[in-house]
Amino acid sequence: VRLVESGGGLVQSGGSLRLSCAASGFTVSFFELRWYRQTPGKERDLVASISAGGASLTYLGDGRGRFTGSRDDAKNTIYLQMYNLKPDDTAVYLCNSPAHGAWGRGTQVTVSS
């Protein structure tokens, strides 16, 4: 089981990014997958989940309406679309499969003011 995130980078405040998490070793459409984010010295925050049925939930209070999870079954990949990014969104974003206890290494998102 392997999860590999990509799509992070440096973006100005108000910009958008789409993060990807490519899975291997299992089929994403059979399991719930999650996006977390972490900043140094803080715990990981749950950002969004994509259920086995494909439904997306956003957990961050200030992320609702700005962050949306999605999935491409043909590519065995999930995504996190982020709009209107703010400097407080700066973090390492990680993909997680709770069923497998698997984590990706993360992708850095930096939002400049």
PDB file of N, CA and C in Angstrom:
ATOM      1  N   VAL A   1       0.858  -1.192   0.000  1.00  0.00           N
ATOM      2  CA  VAL A   1       0.000   0.000   0.000  1.00  0.00           C
ATOM      3  C   VAL A   1       0.891   1.239   0.000  1.00  0.00           C
ATOM      4  N   ARG A   2       0.594   2.134  -0.910  1.00  0.00           N
ATOM      5  CA  ARG A   2       1.411   3.335  -1.012  1.00  0.00           C
ATOM      6  C   ARG A   2       0.535   4.509  -1.414  1.00  0.00           C
ATOM      7  N   LEU A   3       0.821   5.665  -0.796  1.00  0.00           N
ATOM      8  CA  LEU A   3       0.130   6.912  -1.114  1.00  0.00           C
ATOM      9  C   LEU A   3       1.182   7.961  -1.445  1.00  0.00           C
ATOM     10  N   VAL A   4       1.009   8.632  -2.565  1.00  0.00           N
ATOM     11  CA  VAL A   4       1.981   9.636  -2.985  1.00  0.00           C
ATOM     12  C   VAL A   4       1.246  10.926  -3.329  1.00  0.00           C
ATOM     13  N   GLU A   5       1.520  11.977  -2.544  1.00  0.00           N
ATOM     14  CA  GLU A   5       0.893  13.270  -2.768  1.00  0.00           C
ATOM     15  C   GLU A   5       1.726  14.104  -3.740  1.00  0.00           C
ATOM     16  N   SER A   6       1.056  14.991  -4.422  1.00  0.00           N
ATOM     17  CA  SER A   6       1.716  15.947  -5.305  1.00  0.00           C
ATOM     18  C   SER A   6       0.801  17.151  -5.484  1.00  0.00           C
ATOM     19  N   GLY A   7       1.355  18.188  -6.088  1.00  0.00           N
ATOM     20  CA  GLY A   7       0.557  19.361  -6.416  1.00  0.00           C
ATOM     21  C   GLY A   7       0.745  20.546  -5.500  1.00  0.00           C
ATOM     22  N   GLY A   8       1.520  20.397  -4.444  1.00  0.00           N
ATOM     23  CA  GLY A   8       1.760  21.520  -3.569  1.00  0.00           C
ATOM     24  C   GLY A   8       2.678  22.535  -4.213  1.00  0.00           C
ATOM     25  N   GLY A   9       2.859  23.642  -3.522  1.00  0.00           N
ATOM     26  CA  GLY A   9       3.743  24.669  -4.046  1.00  0.00           C
ATOM     27  C   GLY A   9       3.511  25.993  -3.351  1.00  0.00           C
ATOM     28  N   LEU A  10       4.063  27.026  -3.929  1.00  0.00           N
ATOM     29  CA  LEU A  10       3.928  28.383  -3.408  1.00  0.00           C
ATOM     30  C   LEU A  10       2.849  29.105  -4.203  1.00  0.00           C
ATOM     31  N   VAL A  11       1.905  29.692  -3.496  1.00  0.00           N
ATOM     32  CA  VAL A  11       0.812  30.393  -4.153  1.00  0.00           C
ATOM     33  C   VAL A  11       0.506  31.665  -3.367  1.00  0.00           C
ATOM     34  N   GLN A  12       0.043  32.673  -4.046  1.00  0.00           N
ATOM     35  CA  GLN A  12      -0.315  33.912  -3.373  1.00  0.00           C
ATOM     36  C   GLN A  12      -1.676  33.778  -2.696  1.00  0.00           C
ATOM     37  N   SER A  13      -1.873  34.577  -1.681  1.00  0.00           N
ATOM     38  CA  SER A  13      -3.158  34.605  -0.992  1.00  0.00           C
ATOM     39  C   SER A  13      -4.280  34.860  -2.000  1.00  0.00           C
ATOM     40  N   GLY A  14      -5.330  34.079  -1.884  1.00  0.00           N
ATOM     41  CA  GLY A  14      -6.444  34.163  -2.824  1.00  0.00           C
ATOM     42  C   GLY A  14      -6.350  33.201  -3.984  1.00  0.00           C
ATOM     43  N   GLY A  15      -5.214  32.551  -4.109  1.00  0.00           N
ATOM     44  CA  GLY A  15      -5.004  31.610  -5.202  1.00  0.00           C
ATOM     45  C   GLY A  15      -5.605  30.240  -4.940  1.00  0.00           C
ATOM     46  N   SER A  16      -5.403  29.345  -5.891  1.00  0.00           N
ATOM     47  CA  SER A  16      -5.966  27.999  -5.820  1.00  0.00           C
ATOM     48  C   SER A  16      -4.880  26.962  -6.100  1.00  0.00           C
ATOM     49  N   LEU A  17      -5.104  25.783  -5.565  1.00  0.00           N
ATOM     50  CA  LEU A  17      -4.249  24.632  -5.845  1.00  0.00           C
ATOM     51  C   LEU A  17      -5.108  23.385  -5.842  1.00  0.00           C
ATOM     52  N   ARG A  18      -4.674  22.410  -6.607  1.00  0.00           N
ATOM     53  CA  ARG A  18      -5.299  21.090  -6.535  1.00  0.00           C
ATOM     54  C   ARG A  18      -4.227  20.072  -6.177  1.00  0.00           C
ATOM     55  N   LEU A  19      -4.405  19.447  -5.041  1.00  0.00           N
ATOM     56  CA  LEU A  19      -3.488  18.411  -4.601  1.00  0.00           C
ATOM     57  C   LEU A  19      -3.980  17.055  -5.075  1.00  0.00           C
ATOM     58  N   SER A  20      -3.030  16.172  -5.365  1.00  0.00           N
ATOM     59  CA  SER A  20      -3.360  14.815  -5.785  1.00  0.00           C
ATOM     60  C   SER A  20      -2.744  13.815  -4.818  1.00  0.00           C
ATOM     61  N   CYS A  21      -3.395  12.682  -4.685  1.00  0.00           N
ATOM     62  CA  CYS A  21      -2.864  11.574  -3.885  1.00  0.00           C
ATOM     63  C   CYS A  21      -3.085  10.301  -4.689  1.00  0.00           C
ATOM     64  N   ALA A  22      -2.007   9.787  -5.257  1.00  0.00           N
ATOM     65  CA  ALA A  22      -2.084   8.569  -6.056  1.00  0.00           C
ATOM     66  C   ALA A  22      -1.874   7.362  -5.155  1.00  0.00           C
ATOM     67  N   ALA A  23      -2.820   6.445  -5.222  1.00  0.00           N
ATOM     68  CA  ALA A  23      -2.756   5.251  -4.381  1.00  0.00           C
ATOM     69  C   ALA A  23      -2.323   4.042  -5.198  1.00  0.00           C
ATOM     70  N   SER A  24      -1.618   3.148  -4.552  1.00  0.00           N
ATOM     71  CA  SER A  24      -1.263   1.867  -5.160  1.00  0.00           C
ATOM     72  C   SER A  24      -1.346   0.778  -4.101  1.00  0.00           C
ATOM     73  N   GLY A  25      -1.615  -0.419  -4.538  1.00  0.00           N
ATOM     74  CA  GLY A  25      -1.730  -1.544  -3.605  1.00  0.00           C
ATOM     75  C   GLY A  25      -3.139  -1.793  -3.113  1.00  0.00           C
ATOM     76  N   PHE A  26      -4.042  -0.905  -3.454  1.00  0.00           N
ATOM     77  CA  PHE A  26      -5.442  -1.093  -3.109  1.00  0.00           C
ATOM     78  C   PHE A  26      -6.285  -0.207  -4.014  1.00  0.00           C
ATOM     79  N   THR A  27      -7.581  -0.443  -4.022  1.00  0.00           N
ATOM     80  CA  THR A  27      -8.495   0.309  -4.882  1.00  0.00           C
ATOM     81  C   THR A  27      -9.211   1.368  -4.064  1.00  0.00           C
ATOM     82  N   VAL A  28      -9.013   2.636  -4.440  1.00  0.00           N
ATOM     83  CA  VAL A  28      -9.513   3.736  -3.607  1.00  0.00           C
ATOM     84  C   VAL A  28     -11.034   3.730  -3.486  1.00  0.00           C
ATOM     85  N   SER A  29     -11.723   3.196  -4.487  1.00  0.00           N
ATOM     86  CA  SER A  29     -13.182   3.253  -4.457  1.00  0.00           C
ATOM     87  C   SER A  29     -13.781   2.302  -3.424  1.00  0.00           C
ATOM     88  N   PHE A  30     -12.958   1.467  -2.811  1.00  0.00           N
ATOM     89  CA  PHE A  30     -13.458   0.536  -1.795  1.00  0.00           C
ATOM     90  C   PHE A  30     -13.292   1.065  -0.376  1.00  0.00           C
ATOM     91  N   PHE A  31     -12.591   2.187  -0.215  1.00  0.00           N
ATOM     92  CA  PHE A  31     -12.216   2.663   1.124  1.00  0.00           C
ATOM     93  C   PHE A  31     -12.409   4.173   1.251  1.00  0.00           C
ATOM     94  N   GLU A  32     -12.615   4.609   2.480  1.00  0.00           N
ATOM     95  CA  GLU A  32     -12.565   6.039   2.783  1.00  0.00           C
ATOM     96  C   GLU A  32     -11.108   6.477   2.810  1.00  0.00           C
ATOM     97  N   LEU A  33     -10.847   7.629   2.206  1.00  0.00           N
ATOM     98  CA  LEU A  33      -9.529   8.252   2.270  1.00  0.00           C
ATOM     99  C   LEU A  33      -9.675   9.655   2.840  1.00  0.00           C
ATOM    100  N   ARG A  34      -8.620  10.143   3.437  1.00  0.00           N
ATOM    101  CA  ARG A  34      -8.678  11.437   4.119  1.00  0.00           C
ATOM    102  C   ARG A  34      -7.494  12.321   3.747  1.00  0.00           C
ATOM    103  N   TRP A  35      -7.728  13.613   3.834  1.00  0.00           N
ATOM    104  CA  TRP A  35      -6.666  14.614   3.734  1.00  0.00           C
ATOM    105  C   TRP A  35      -6.493  15.249   5.116  1.00  0.00           C
ATOM    106  N   TYR A  36      -5.241  15.347   5.532  1.00  0.00           N
ATOM    107  CA  TYR A  36      -4.871  16.056   6.744  1.00  0.00           C
ATOM    108  C   TYR A  36      -3.878  17.147   6.383  1.00  0.00           C
ATOM    109  N   ARG A  37      -3.671  18.053   7.325  1.00  0.00           N
ATOM    110  CA  ARG A  37      -2.588  19.015   7.173  1.00  0.00           C
ATOM    111  C   ARG A  37      -1.892  19.193   8.510  1.00  0.00           C
ATOM    112  N   GLN A  38      -0.630  19.535   8.424  1.00  0.00           N
ATOM    113  CA  GLN A  38       0.166  19.677   9.646  1.00  0.00           C
ATOM    114  C   GLN A  38       1.163  20.808   9.491  1.00  0.00           C
ATOM    115  N   THR A  39       1.274  21.606  10.551  1.00  0.00           N
ATOM    116  CA  THR A  39       2.297  22.633  10.635  1.00  0.00           C
ATOM    117  C   THR A  39       3.235  22.265  11.778  1.00  0.00           C
ATOM    118  N   PRO A  40       4.473  22.748  11.744  1.00  0.00           N
ATOM    119  CA  PRO A  40       5.456  22.372  12.769  1.00  0.00           C
ATOM    120  C   PRO A  40       4.962  22.660  14.184  1.00  0.00           C
ATOM    121  N   GLY A  41       5.104  21.683  15.058  1.00  0.00           N
ATOM    122  CA  GLY A  41       4.739  21.865  16.447  1.00  0.00           C
ATOM    123  C   GLY A  41       3.267  21.699  16.748  1.00  0.00           C
ATOM    124  N   LYS A  42       2.484  21.390  15.732  1.00  0.00           N
ATOM    125  CA  LYS A  42       1.041  21.237  15.942  1.00  0.00           C
ATOM    126  C   LYS A  42       0.600  19.840  15.514  1.00  0.00           C
ATOM    127  N   GLU A  43      -0.560  19.444  16.032  1.00  0.00           N
ATOM    128  CA  GLU A  43      -1.118  18.154  15.630  1.00  0.00           C
ATOM    129  C   GLU A  43      -1.669  18.239  14.213  1.00  0.00           C
ATOM    130  N   ARG A  44      -1.833  17.071  13.627  1.00  0.00           N
ATOM    131  CA  ARG A  44      -2.436  17.026  12.305  1.00  0.00           C
ATOM    132  C   ARG A  44      -3.926  17.333  12.403  1.00  0.00           C
ATOM    133  N   ASP A  45      -4.379  18.168  11.491  1.00  0.00           N
ATOM    134  CA  ASP A  45      -5.798  18.510  11.422  1.00  0.00           C
ATOM    135  C   ASP A  45      -6.436  17.775  10.260  1.00  0.00           C
ATOM    136  N   LEU A  46      -7.581  17.196  10.509  1.00  0.00           N
ATOM    137  CA  LEU A  46      -8.342  16.562   9.441  1.00  0.00           C
ATOM    138  C   LEU A  46      -8.958  17.643   8.561  1.00  0.00           C
ATOM    139  N   VAL A  47      -8.688  17.569   7.274  1.00  0.00           N
ATOM    140  CA  VAL A  47      -9.170  18.590   6.343  1.00  0.00           C
ATOM    141  C   VAL A  47     -10.432  18.128   5.628  1.00  0.00           C
ATOM    142  N   ALA A  48     -10.363  16.937   5.029  1.00  0.00           N
ATOM    143  CA  ALA A  48     -11.491  16.444   4.239  1.00  0.00           C
ATOM    144  C   ALA A  48     -11.422  14.932   4.132  1.00  0.00           C
ATOM    145  N   SER A  49     -12.543  14.326   3.851  1.00  0.00           N
ATOM    146  CA  SER A  49     -12.601  12.887   3.614  1.00  0.00           C
ATOM    147  C   SER A  49     -13.383  12.613   2.344  1.00  0.00           C
ATOM    148  N   ILE A  50     -13.048  11.507   1.714  1.00  0.00           N
ATOM    149  CA  ILE A  50     -13.799  11.025   0.552  1.00  0.00           C
ATOM    150  C   ILE A  50     -14.210   9.604   0.882  1.00  0.00           C
ATOM    151  N   SER A  51     -15.509   9.367   0.982  1.00  0.00           N
ATOM    152  CA  SER A  51     -16.000   8.057   1.367  1.00  0.00           C
ATOM    153  C   SER A  51     -15.855   7.067   0.227  1.00  0.00           C
ATOM    154  N   ALA A  52     -16.046   5.791   0.531  1.00  0.00           N
ATOM    155  CA  ALA A  52     -15.998   4.762  -0.503  1.00  0.00           C
ATOM    156  C   ALA A  52     -17.057   5.037  -1.577  1.00  0.00           C
ATOM    157  N   GLY A  53     -18.146   5.648  -1.169  1.00  0.00           N
ATOM    158  CA  GLY A  53     -19.176   5.985  -2.143  1.00  0.00           C
ATOM    159  C   GLY A  53     -18.886   7.239  -2.939  1.00  0.00           C
ATOM    160  N   GLY A  54     -17.774   7.919  -2.598  1.00  0.00           N
ATOM    161  CA  GLY A  54     -17.387   9.096  -3.361  1.00  0.00           C
ATOM    162  C   GLY A  54     -17.823  10.421  -2.762  1.00  0.00           C
ATOM    163  N   ALA A  55     -18.517  10.364  -1.614  1.00  0.00           N
ATOM    164  CA  ALA A  55     -18.983  11.616  -0.998  1.00  0.00           C
ATOM    165  C   ALA A  55     -17.827  12.305  -0.286  1.00  0.00           C
ATOM    166  N   SER A  56     -17.789  13.623  -0.395  1.00  0.00           N
ATOM    167  CA  SER A  56     -16.718  14.405   0.223  1.00  0.00           C
ATOM    168  C   SER A  56     -17.262  15.226   1.378  1.00  0.00           C
ATOM    169  N   LEU A  57     -16.537  15.235   2.472  1.00  0.00           N
ATOM    170  CA  LEU A  57     -16.860  16.073   3.607  1.00  0.00           C
ATOM    171  C   LEU A  57     -15.656  16.936   3.937  1.00  0.00           C
ATOM    172  N   THR A  58     -15.917  18.191   4.295  1.00  0.00           N
ATOM    173  CA  THR A  58     -14.848  19.094   4.717  1.00  0.00           C
ATOM    174  C   THR A  58     -14.992  19.323   6.208  1.00  0.00           C
ATOM    175  N   TYR A  59     -13.898  19.195   6.948  1.00  0.00           N
ATOM    176  CA  TYR A  59     -13.952  19.253   8.396  1.00  0.00           C
ATOM    177  C   TYR A  59     -13.459  20.557   8.977  1.00  0.00           C
ATOM    178  N   LEU A  60     -12.601  21.256   8.278  1.00  0.00           N
ATOM    179  CA  LEU A  60     -12.102  22.507   8.797  1.00  0.00           C
ATOM    180  C   LEU A  60     -13.195  23.555   8.712  1.00  0.00           C
ATOM    181  N   GLY A  61     -13.430  24.236   9.831  1.00  0.00           N
ATOM    182  CA  GLY A  61     -14.495  25.230   9.838  1.00  0.00           C
ATOM    183  C   GLY A  61     -14.307  26.291   8.779  1.00  0.00           C
ATOM    184  N   ASP A  62     -13.077  26.801   8.672  1.00  0.00           N
ATOM    185  CA  ASP A  62     -12.859  27.864   7.688  1.00  0.00           C
ATOM    186  C   ASP A  62     -12.546  27.309   6.311  1.00  0.00           C
ATOM    187  N   GLY A  63     -12.556  25.956   6.202  1.00  0.00           N
ATOM    188  CA  GLY A  63     -12.314  25.346   4.903  1.00  0.00           C
ATOM    189  C   GLY A  63     -13.579  25.075   4.121  1.00  0.00           C
ATOM    190  N   ARG A  64     -14.707  25.112   4.814  1.00  0.00           N
ATOM    191  CA  ARG A  64     -15.963  24.835   4.119  1.00  0.00           C
ATOM    192  C   ARG A  64     -16.207  25.894   3.067  1.00  0.00           C
ATOM    193  N   GLY A  65     -16.493  25.422   1.886  1.00  0.00           N
ATOM    194  CA  GLY A  65     -16.687  26.321   0.756  1.00  0.00           C
ATOM    195  C   GLY A  65     -15.398  26.651   0.037  1.00  0.00           C
ATOM    196  N   ARG A  66     -14.260  26.291   0.646  1.00  0.00           N
ATOM    197  CA  ARG A  66     -12.966  26.550  -0.014  1.00  0.00           C
ATOM    198  C   ARG A  66     -12.246  25.259  -0.373  1.00  0.00           C
ATOM    199  N   PHE A  67     -12.458  24.203   0.407  1.00  0.00           N
ATOM    200  CA  PHE A  67     -11.772  22.930   0.179  1.00  0.00           C
ATOM    201  C   PHE A  67     -12.786  21.860  -0.207  1.00  0.00           C
ATOM    202  N   THR A  68     -12.474  21.124  -1.255  1.00  0.00           N
ATOM    203  CA  THR A  68     -13.368  20.052  -1.708  1.00  0.00           C
ATOM    204  C   THR A  68     -12.555  18.841  -2.113  1.00  0.00           C
ATOM    205  N   GLY A  69     -12.955  17.677  -1.588  1.00  0.00           N
ATOM    206  CA  GLY A  69     -12.302  16.444  -1.982  1.00  0.00           C
ATOM    207  C   GLY A  69     -13.017  15.799  -3.154  1.00  0.00           C
ATOM    208  N   SER A  70     -12.269  15.055  -3.954  1.00  0.00           N
ATOM    209  CA  SER A  70     -12.863  14.323  -5.069  1.00  0.00           C
ATOM    210  C   SER A  70     -11.996  13.112  -5.380  1.00  0.00           C
ATOM    211  N   ARG A  71     -12.455  12.311  -6.335  1.00  0.00           N
ATOM    212  CA  ARG A  71     -11.752  11.063  -6.624  1.00  0.00           C
ATOM    213  C   ARG A  71     -11.885  10.733  -8.097  1.00  0.00           C
ATOM    214  N   ASP A  72     -10.829  10.146  -8.651  1.00  0.00           N
ATOM    215  CA  ASP A  72     -10.858   9.629 -10.013  1.00  0.00           C
ATOM    216  C   ASP A  72     -10.557   8.143  -9.928  1.00  0.00           C
ATOM    217  N   ASP A  73     -11.586   7.336 -10.057  1.00  0.00           N
ATOM    218  CA  ASP A  73     -11.407   5.897  -9.890  1.00  0.00           C
ATOM    219  C   ASP A  73     -10.510   5.302 -10.972  1.00  0.00           C
ATOM    220  N   ALA A  74     -10.591   5.849 -12.170  1.00  0.00           N
ATOM    221  CA  ALA A  74      -9.775   5.322 -13.264  1.00  0.00           C
ATOM    222  C   ALA A  74      -8.286   5.515 -12.989  1.00  0.00           C
ATOM    223  N   LYS A  75      -7.969   6.591 -12.263  1.00  0.00           N
ATOM    224  CA  LYS A  75      -6.570   6.873 -11.943  1.00  0.00           C
ATOM    225  C   LYS A  75      -6.198   6.408 -10.537  1.00  0.00           C
ATOM    226  N   ASN A  76      -7.187   5.865  -9.817  1.00  0.00           N
ATOM    227  CA  ASN A  76      -6.952   5.417  -8.436  1.00  0.00           C
ATOM    228  C   ASN A  76      -6.326   6.536  -7.605  1.00  0.00           C
ATOM    229  N   THR A  77      -6.889   7.709  -7.747  1.00  0.00           N
ATOM    230  CA  THR A  77      -6.316   8.928  -7.172  1.00  0.00           C
ATOM    231  C   THR A  77      -7.420   9.763  -6.530  1.00  0.00           C
ATOM    232  N   ILE A  78      -7.082  10.380  -5.410  1.00  0.00           N
ATOM    233  CA  ILE A  78      -7.998  11.365  -4.828  1.00  0.00           C
ATOM    234  C   ILE A  78      -7.366  12.746  -4.940  1.00  0.00           C
ATOM    235  N   TYR A  79      -8.219  13.752  -4.799  1.00  0.00           N
ATOM    236  CA  TYR A  79      -7.779  15.130  -4.968  1.00  0.00           C
ATOM    237  C   TYR A  79      -8.307  15.994  -3.826  1.00  0.00           C
ATOM    238  N   LEU A  80      -7.617  17.109  -3.613  1.00  0.00           N
ATOM    239  CA  LEU A  80      -8.110  18.141  -2.717  1.00  0.00           C
ATOM    240  C   LEU A  80      -8.012  19.452  -3.481  1.00  0.00           C
ATOM    241  N   GLN A  81      -9.146  19.979  -3.872  1.00  0.00           N
ATOM    242  CA  GLN A  81      -9.190  21.265  -4.555  1.00  0.00           C
ATOM    243  C   GLN A  81      -9.319  22.347  -3.506  1.00  0.00           C
ATOM    244  N   MET A  82      -8.440  23.313  -3.560  1.00  0.00           N
ATOM    245  CA  MET A  82      -8.421  24.393  -2.569  1.00  0.00           C
ATOM    246  C   MET A  82      -8.537  25.741  -3.284  1.00  0.00           C
ATOM    247  N   TYR A  83      -9.502  26.528  -2.859  1.00  0.00           N
ATOM    248  CA  TYR A  83      -9.734  27.855  -3.428  1.00  0.00           C
ATOM    249  C   TYR A  83      -9.491  28.924  -2.368  1.00  0.00           C
ATOM    250  N   ASN A  84      -9.291  30.157  -2.843  1.00  0.00           N
ATOM    251  CA  ASN A  84      -9.167  31.311  -1.948  1.00  0.00           C
ATOM    252  C   ASN A  84      -8.225  31.006  -0.779  1.00  0.00           C
ATOM    253  N   LEU A  85      -7.047  30.550  -1.113  1.00  0.00           N
ATOM    254  CA  LEU A  85      -6.098  30.155  -0.084  1.00  0.00           C
ATOM    255  C   LEU A  85      -5.628  31.349   0.731  1.00  0.00           C
ATOM    256  N   LYS A  86      -5.377  31.069   2.017  1.00  0.00           N
ATOM    257  CA  LYS A  86      -4.941  32.087   2.956  1.00  0.00           C
ATOM    258  C   LYS A  86      -3.592  31.683   3.542  1.00  0.00           C
ATOM    259  N   PRO A  87      -2.836  32.658   4.059  1.00  0.00           N
ATOM    260  CA  PRO A  87      -1.544  32.298   4.671  1.00  0.00           C
ATOM    261  C   PRO A  87      -1.677  31.235   5.767  1.00  0.00           C
ATOM    262  N   ASP A  88      -2.790  31.234   6.494  1.00  0.00           N
ATOM    263  CA  ASP A  88      -2.995  30.224   7.543  1.00  0.00           C
ATOM    264  C   ASP A  88      -3.175  28.822   6.987  1.00  0.00           C
ATOM    265  N   ASP A  89      -3.362  28.700   5.689  1.00  0.00           N
ATOM    266  CA  ASP A  89      -3.465  27.370   5.066  1.00  0.00           C
ATOM    267  C   ASP A  89      -2.099  26.763   4.801  1.00  0.00           C
ATOM    268  N   THR A  90      -1.042  27.521   5.040  1.00  0.00           N
ATOM    269  CA  THR A  90       0.304  26.999   4.853  1.00  0.00           C
ATOM    270  C   THR A  90       0.539  25.800   5.758  1.00  0.00           C
ATOM    271  N   ALA A  91       0.920  24.669   5.151  1.00  0.00           N
ATOM    272  CA  ALA A  91       1.087  23.428   5.901  1.00  0.00           C
ATOM    273  C   ALA A  91       1.591  22.347   4.956  1.00  0.00           C
ATOM    274  N   VAL A  92       1.968  21.234   5.540  1.00  0.00           N
ATOM    275  CA  VAL A  92       2.177  20.017   4.766  1.00  0.00           C
ATOM    276  C   VAL A  92       0.845  19.277   4.720  1.00  0.00           C
ATOM    277  N   TYR A  93       0.407  18.942   3.536  1.00  0.00           N
ATOM    278  CA  TYR A  93      -0.867  18.244   3.349  1.00  0.00           C
ATOM    279  C   TYR A  93      -0.577  16.776   3.077  1.00  0.00           C
ATOM    280  N   LEU A  94      -1.250  15.916   3.848  1.00  0.00           N
ATOM    281  CA  LEU A  94      -0.992  14.483   3.788  1.00  0.00           C
ATOM    282  C   LEU A  94      -2.258  13.711   3.468  1.00  0.00           C
ATOM    283  N   CYS A  95      -2.074  12.627   2.772  1.00  0.00           N
ATOM    284  CA  CYS A  95      -3.138  11.712   2.398  1.00  0.00           C
ATOM    285  C   CYS A  95      -3.083  10.505   3.329  1.00  0.00           C
ATOM    286  N   ASN A  96      -4.250  10.015   3.711  1.00  0.00           N
ATOM    287  CA  ASN A  96      -4.325   8.911   4.673  1.00  0.00           C
ATOM    288  C   ASN A  96      -5.398   7.910   4.275  1.00  0.00           C
ATOM    289  N   SER A  97      -5.065   6.636   4.422  1.00  0.00           N
ATOM    290  CA  SER A  97      -6.061   5.579   4.299  1.00  0.00           C
ATOM    291  C   SER A  97      -6.231   4.959   5.675  1.00  0.00           C
ATOM    292  N   PRO A  98      -7.287   5.295   6.405  1.00  0.00           N
ATOM    293  CA  PRO A  98      -7.446   4.759   7.762  1.00  0.00           C
ATOM    294  C   PRO A  98      -7.498   3.225   7.807  1.00  0.00           C
ATOM    295  N   ALA A  99      -8.115   2.625   6.806  1.00  0.00           N
ATOM    296  CA  ALA A  99      -8.267   1.175   6.810  1.00  0.00           C
ATOM    297  C   ALA A  99      -6.930   0.452   6.750  1.00  0.00           C
ATOM    298  N   HIS A 100      -5.959   1.086   6.105  1.00  0.00           N
ATOM    299  CA  HIS A 100      -4.648   0.470   5.949  1.00  0.00           C
ATOM    300  C   HIS A 100      -3.608   1.052   6.895  1.00  0.00           C
ATOM    301  N   GLY A 101      -3.969   2.097   7.616  1.00  0.00           N
ATOM    302  CA  GLY A 101      -2.987   2.765   8.464  1.00  0.00           C
ATOM    303  C   GLY A 101      -1.863   3.368   7.657  1.00  0.00           C
ATOM    304  N   ALA A 102      -2.176   3.767   6.435  1.00  0.00           N
ATOM    305  CA  ALA A 102      -1.152   4.246   5.511  1.00  0.00           C
ATOM    306  C   ALA A 102      -1.192   5.758   5.385  1.00  0.00           C
ATOM    307  N   TRP A 103      -0.013   6.352   5.287  1.00  0.00           N
ATOM    308  CA  TRP A 103       0.148   7.795   5.112  1.00  0.00           C
ATOM    309  C   TRP A 103       1.107   8.041   3.958  1.00  0.00           C
ATOM    310  N   GLY A 104       0.849   9.112   3.229  1.00  0.00           N
ATOM    311  CA  GLY A 104       1.827   9.580   2.289  1.00  0.00           C
ATOM    312  C   GLY A 104       2.861  10.437   2.993  1.00  0.00           C
ATOM    313  N   ARG A 105       3.851  10.899   2.247  1.00  0.00           N
ATOM    314  CA  ARG A 105       4.887  11.745   2.844  1.00  0.00           C
ATOM    315  C   ARG A 105       4.464  13.202   2.920  1.00  0.00           C
ATOM    316  N   GLY A 106       3.447  13.540   2.173  1.00  0.00           N
ATOM    317  CA  GLY A 106       2.939  14.899   2.228  1.00  0.00           C
ATOM    318  C   GLY A 106       3.460  15.774   1.106  1.00  0.00           C
ATOM    319  N   THR A 107       2.757  16.869   0.893  1.00  0.00           N
ATOM    320  CA  THR A 107       3.175  17.874  -0.077  1.00  0.00           C
ATOM    321  C   THR A 107       3.022  19.241   0.572  1.00  0.00           C
ATOM    322  N   GLN A 108       4.038  20.072   0.420  1.00  0.00           N
ATOM    323  CA  GLN A 108       4.062  21.372   1.095  1.00  0.00           C
ATOM    324  C   GLN A 108       3.233  22.390   0.319  1.00  0.00           C
ATOM    325  N   VAL A 109       2.369  23.062   1.027  1.00  0.00           N
ATOM    326  CA  VAL A 109       1.618  24.191   0.481  1.00  0.00           C
ATOM    327  C   VAL A 109       2.020  25.429   1.258  1.00  0.00           C
ATOM    328  N   THR A 110       2.476  26.441   0.537  1.00  0.00           N
ATOM    329  CA  THR A 110       2.868  27.702   1.159  1.00  0.00           C
ATOM    330  C   THR A 110       2.076  28.824   0.509  1.00  0.00           C
ATOM    331  N   VAL A 111       1.373  29.574   1.326  1.00  0.00           N
ATOM    332  CA  VAL A 111       0.555  30.676   0.834  1.00  0.00           C
ATOM    333  C   VAL A 111       1.172  31.984   1.310  1.00  0.00           C
ATOM    334  N   SER A 112       1.554  32.812   0.388  1.00  0.00           N
ATOM    335  CA  SER A 112       2.166  34.091   0.724  1.00  0.00           C
ATOM    336  C   SER A 112       1.105  35.187   0.792  1.00  0.00           C
ATOM    337  N   SER A 113       1.343  36.130   1.662  1.00  0.00           N
ATOM    338  CA  SER A 113       0.366  37.214   1.830  1.00  0.00           C
ATOM    339  C   SER A 113       0.621  38.353   0.851  1.00  0.00           C
TER     340      SER A 113
END
